[in-house]
Protein backbone atom coordinates (compact mmCIF):
# COMPACT_ATOMS: atom_id res chain seq x y z
CA MET A 1 35.50 -6.95 29.18
CA ILE A 2 33.75 -9.10 26.59
CA CYS A 3 33.14 -12.84 27.01
CA VAL A 4 32.82 -14.98 23.87
CA VAL A 5 31.44 -18.53 24.07
CA GLY A 6 32.12 -20.65 21.00
CA ALA A 7 34.96 -18.35 20.03
CA THR A 8 36.19 -20.59 17.21
CA SER A 9 33.01 -20.20 15.16
CA ALA A 10 33.34 -18.07 12.03
CA VAL A 11 30.90 -15.41 13.24
CA ALA A 12 32.52 -15.21 16.68
CA GLN A 13 35.98 -14.86 15.13
CA ALA A 14 34.78 -11.99 12.95
CA ALA A 15 33.28 -10.24 15.99
CA ILE A 16 36.49 -10.81 17.95
CA ARG A 17 38.47 -9.09 15.20
CA ASP A 18 36.18 -6.05 15.41
CA TRP A 19 36.39 -5.90 19.22
CA ALA A 20 40.16 -6.30 19.14
CA ALA A 21 40.53 -3.45 16.65
CA ARG A 22 38.80 -1.07 19.04
CA GLY A 23 40.98 -2.17 21.95
CA ASP A 24 38.59 -4.29 24.01
CA GLU A 25 39.57 -6.91 26.58
CA LEU A 26 38.41 -10.43 25.74
CA VAL A 27 37.84 -13.80 27.39
CA LEU A 28 37.39 -16.64 24.90
CA PHE A 29 35.78 -20.05 25.51
CA GLY A 30 35.83 -23.01 23.14
CA ARG A 31 36.76 -26.66 22.73
CA ASN A 32 39.92 -26.41 20.62
CA ALA A 33 42.80 -25.06 22.73
CA ALA A 34 45.20 -24.60 19.81
CA GLU A 35 42.64 -22.73 17.74
CA LEU A 36 41.74 -20.52 20.70
CA GLU A 37 45.39 -19.60 21.14
CA ARG A 38 45.67 -18.72 17.45
CA ILE A 39 42.57 -16.49 17.65
CA ALA A 40 43.89 -14.85 20.83
CA ALA A 41 47.27 -14.13 19.24
CA ASP A 42 45.56 -12.54 16.24
CA ALA A 43 43.36 -10.43 18.54
CA ARG A 44 46.40 -9.14 20.45
CA VAL A 45 48.10 -8.11 17.21
CA ARG A 46 44.94 -6.27 16.17
CA GLY A 47 44.89 -4.23 19.38
CA ALA A 48 43.03 -6.13 22.11
CA VAL A 49 44.28 -4.90 25.50
CA GLY A 50 44.11 -8.40 26.94
CA VAL A 51 42.93 -11.83 25.81
CA ALA A 52 42.41 -14.89 28.03
CA VAL A 53 41.44 -18.31 26.68
CA HIS A 54 39.74 -21.27 28.34
CA ALA A 55 39.37 -24.57 26.50
CA GLY A 56 36.97 -27.29 27.59
CA GLU A 57 33.67 -28.97 26.93
CA ILE A 58 31.54 -25.87 26.60
CA THR A 59 28.29 -27.86 26.57
CA SER A 60 29.01 -29.29 30.03
CA ILE A 61 27.02 -27.72 32.87
CA ALA A 62 29.94 -28.24 35.26
CA PHE A 63 32.30 -26.42 32.88
CA ILE A 64 29.80 -23.59 32.35
CA GLU A 65 29.30 -23.01 36.08
CA ALA A 66 33.03 -23.08 36.82
CA ALA A 67 33.86 -20.82 33.87
CA VAL A 68 31.34 -18.11 34.70
CA ALA A 69 32.25 -18.20 38.39
CA THR A 70 35.83 -17.17 37.55
CA LEU A 71 34.89 -14.29 35.22
CA PRO A 72 35.76 -10.75 36.34
CA ILE A 73 33.39 -7.85 35.65
CA THR A 74 31.90 -8.45 32.21
CA GLN A 75 30.17 -5.71 30.22
CA GLN A 76 29.19 -7.77 27.18
CA ALA A 77 28.97 -11.42 26.16
CA LEU A 78 28.30 -13.40 23.00
CA VAL A 79 26.96 -16.95 23.11
CA ALA A 80 27.82 -18.25 19.64
CA HIS A 81 28.28 -22.02 19.71
CA GLY A 82 26.03 -24.36 17.77
CA SER A 83 25.80 -27.25 15.33
CA LEU A 84 23.75 -27.72 12.16
CA THR A 85 21.68 -30.81 12.98
CA ASP A 86 21.09 -33.55 10.40
CA ALA A 87 17.33 -34.02 10.79
CA ALA A 88 17.31 -37.36 8.95
CA ARG A 89 19.98 -38.80 11.23
CA GLY A 90 18.16 -37.49 14.28
CA MET A 91 15.05 -39.44 13.29
CA GLU A 92 17.01 -42.69 13.60
CA ASP A 93 19.69 -41.91 16.19
CA LEU A 94 18.13 -40.59 19.39
CA ARG A 95 21.47 -40.20 21.15
CA TYR A 96 22.64 -37.94 18.36
CA LEU A 97 19.37 -35.99 18.57
CA ALA A 98 19.80 -35.50 22.33
CA GLU A 99 23.40 -34.34 21.84
CA GLN A 100 22.25 -31.82 19.26
CA PHE A 101 19.59 -30.44 21.58
CA ASN A 102 22.25 -30.05 24.24
CA VAL A 103 24.52 -28.13 21.86
CA ASN A 104 21.85 -25.93 20.28
CA PHE A 105 19.44 -25.41 23.17
CA ILE A 106 20.30 -26.61 26.67
CA SER A 107 23.90 -25.43 26.87
CA GLY A 108 23.01 -22.11 25.22
CA CYS A 109 20.35 -21.53 27.86
CA ALA A 110 22.79 -22.51 30.62
CA TRP A 111 25.48 -20.09 29.45
CA THR A 112 22.97 -17.27 29.06
CA GLN A 113 21.41 -17.85 32.47
CA CYS A 114 24.76 -18.09 34.26
CA LEU A 115 26.11 -14.99 32.52
CA ALA A 116 22.92 -13.07 33.29
CA ASN A 117 23.10 -14.03 36.96
CA LYS A 118 26.75 -12.94 37.06
CA MET A 119 25.97 -9.60 35.42
CA ALA A 120 23.03 -9.04 37.77
CA THR A 121 25.43 -9.00 40.72
CA GLN A 122 27.22 -6.03 39.12
CA GLY A 123 23.94 -4.39 38.06
CA SER A 124 24.64 -4.18 34.34
CA GLY A 125 25.65 -6.09 31.23
CA SER A 126 24.47 -7.23 27.80
CA ILE A 127 24.38 -10.73 26.34
CA ALA A 128 23.86 -11.53 22.65
CA VAL A 129 22.70 -15.08 21.94
CA ILE A 130 22.81 -16.50 18.42
CA SER A 131 19.54 -18.26 17.67
CA SER A 132 18.27 -18.60 14.09
CA VAL A 133 15.42 -17.75 11.76
CA ALA A 134 15.05 -21.55 11.55
CA GLY A 135 13.37 -21.34 14.95
CA GLU A 136 10.47 -19.31 13.61
CA ARG A 137 8.72 -22.31 12.05
CA GLY A 138 9.31 -26.05 11.91
CA ARG A 139 10.24 -27.14 8.39
CA TYR A 140 10.73 -30.47 6.63
CA SER A 141 14.46 -30.05 6.09
CA ASN A 142 15.64 -28.79 9.49
CA PHE A 143 12.92 -29.27 12.08
CA ALA A 144 15.31 -30.74 14.68
CA TYR A 145 17.70 -27.79 14.48
CA GLY A 146 14.83 -25.32 14.18
CA SER A 147 13.00 -26.63 17.23
CA ALA A 148 16.14 -26.27 19.36
CA LYS A 149 16.54 -22.69 18.16
CA ALA A 150 12.84 -22.01 18.78
CA GLY A 151 13.36 -23.08 22.38
CA LEU A 152 16.45 -20.90 22.70
CA THR A 153 14.56 -17.91 21.30
CA ALA A 154 11.68 -18.39 23.76
CA PHE A 155 14.15 -18.75 26.63
CA CYS A 156 15.85 -15.48 25.70
CA ASP A 157 12.48 -13.72 25.41
CA GLY A 158 11.56 -14.69 28.94
CA LEU A 159 15.00 -14.08 30.44
CA ARG A 160 15.09 -10.63 28.84
CA ALA A 161 11.90 -9.74 30.70
CA ARG A 162 13.09 -11.27 33.99
CA MET A 163 16.43 -9.47 33.90
CA LEU A 164 15.16 -6.04 32.84
CA ALA A 165 14.81 -4.76 36.41
CA ARG A 166 18.26 -6.11 37.29
CA GLY A 167 20.09 -4.09 34.64
CA VAL A 168 20.93 -7.03 32.36
CA HIS A 169 20.01 -6.93 28.68
CA VAL A 170 19.50 -10.11 26.62
CA ILE A 171 19.61 -9.84 22.82
CA THR A 172 18.23 -12.54 20.55
CA VAL A 173 20.17 -12.71 17.28
CA LYS A 174 18.34 -14.38 14.39
CA PRO A 175 20.63 -14.83 11.42
CA GLY A 176 19.62 -16.51 8.22
CA SER A 177 21.99 -18.59 6.12
CA ILE A 178 25.65 -17.71 6.68
CA ASP A 179 28.60 -18.70 4.51
CA THR A 180 30.72 -20.52 7.12
CA PRO A 181 32.42 -23.92 7.47
CA MET A 182 29.19 -25.19 9.09
CA THR A 183 27.33 -24.63 5.81
CA ALA A 184 30.19 -25.70 3.52
CA SER A 185 28.17 -28.59 2.05
CA MET A 186 25.19 -26.38 1.20
CA LYS A 187 24.66 -24.73 -2.18
CA LYS A 188 25.13 -20.98 -1.70
CA GLY A 189 22.46 -18.58 -2.93
CA LEU A 190 21.68 -14.87 -2.90
CA LEU A 191 20.34 -15.01 0.66
CA PHE A 192 23.63 -16.20 2.15
CA ALA A 193 25.41 -13.57 4.24
CA SER A 194 29.07 -13.37 5.18
CA ALA A 195 30.24 -14.10 8.72
CA GLU A 196 31.77 -10.61 8.80
CA SER A 197 28.50 -8.82 8.04
CA VAL A 198 26.61 -10.84 10.66
CA ALA A 199 29.34 -10.18 13.22
CA LYS A 200 29.15 -6.43 12.63
CA GLY A 201 25.41 -6.61 13.21
CA ILE A 202 25.97 -8.42 16.52
CA VAL A 203 28.58 -5.90 17.70
CA ARG A 204 26.20 -3.07 16.83
CA ALA A 205 23.23 -4.76 18.54
CA LEU A 206 25.22 -5.21 21.75
CA ASP A 207 26.33 -1.59 21.76
CA GLN A 208 22.77 -0.39 21.10
CA GLN A 209 21.19 -2.92 23.50
CA ARG A 210 18.65 -4.12 20.96
CA ASP A 211 16.09 -6.78 21.86
CA VAL A 212 15.74 -8.93 18.73
CA VAL A 213 17.78 -8.54 15.55
CA TYR A 214 17.44 -10.31 12.21
CA LEU A 215 20.72 -10.51 10.31
CA PRO A 216 20.66 -9.45 7.55
CA ARG A 217 17.54 -7.37 8.18
CA TYR A 218 15.67 -8.69 5.12
CA TRP A 219 15.10 -11.95 7.01
CA GLN A 220 12.50 -10.20 9.17
CA LEU A 221 10.30 -9.69 6.12
CA ILE A 222 11.01 -13.17 4.77
CA MET A 223 10.05 -14.83 8.05
CA THR A 224 6.88 -12.75 8.32
CA ILE A 225 5.82 -14.31 5.02
CA VAL A 226 6.95 -17.80 6.07
CA ARG A 227 4.95 -17.64 9.32
CA ALA A 228 1.85 -16.57 7.38
CA ILE A 229 1.76 -19.71 5.21
CA PRO A 230 -1.21 -21.85 6.32
CA GLU A 231 -0.22 -25.13 7.97
CA ARG A 232 -2.26 -27.15 5.48
CA VAL A 233 0.07 -25.78 2.80
CA ALA A 234 3.30 -25.67 4.80
CA LYS A 235 3.15 -29.36 5.75
CA ARG A 236 3.28 -30.32 2.06
CA LEU A 237 6.37 -28.26 1.31
CA LYS A 238 9.72 -30.10 1.35
CA TRP A 239 11.67 -26.95 2.17
C-alpha cells in the first residue's frame, strides 16, 4: 500500500496516476474532500486495486497522529504538501510566516516521523519527502520558503540515518522549478520541469530506495555552482 500526503498537489496527482496504472493500493490525504474523491475515482479507473481518502487539516499534529495510527501496513509513502511562501509578506506578517513554516517544515517533519515510526513496527518501508533545491542556499527572493525546506532536508538527513537499522528508508526529493498551479504566476523558463516528469522520478526513487534525488538531475550541477558563490557576492544578488 502507498500513502500519499498532499494528494491534491500536481506532482502527487501525477505519481498517483502512475501507481494506479500498475495496480497499487492507495491511501490519499488532503484538505479538499471533493478533489480527493475525484482523484480517487480517476485512480480506480486507471487500475488501482483500492483507494481510500481522508480529508482534514493535514498540517495539524492531532490529525497527523490519528491518520497514521489508522494506516494498515504501508510499503511506501509520499509527503508532498507545501506552499510557495511570499517572502515580502512574511517580513511584515509574522503570523503568516509562522503558518508557512508549519506547512513547509513542521508538518512535513511530523508526517515523516510518524510514518517512519509506523513503518519501523513492521520492519520495512520507504518514504519520499518533497523538499526543494531552494533549501540549498538562502536567497533574496525566497529565503523564507528556502529556509523551511533547508530544515526539512536536514531533518530527513538525520532521520534517514536513525531509521537505517530499523529497515525504514527516507528519501529527500529536491525538485527545481515545476510547472504547477503553485507557480502559475511565475514566468516559465527552460529550467521548469513538468509535474509528470518529477513524479516519475519520485516513483523511481522510491522503488530504488535512493537517498537524495535532484529532479530533474541537472539541478544537482546547478546547485553545486550556486553553493560555491562566495557570500560577499551572493548577498548582493537579487535572485
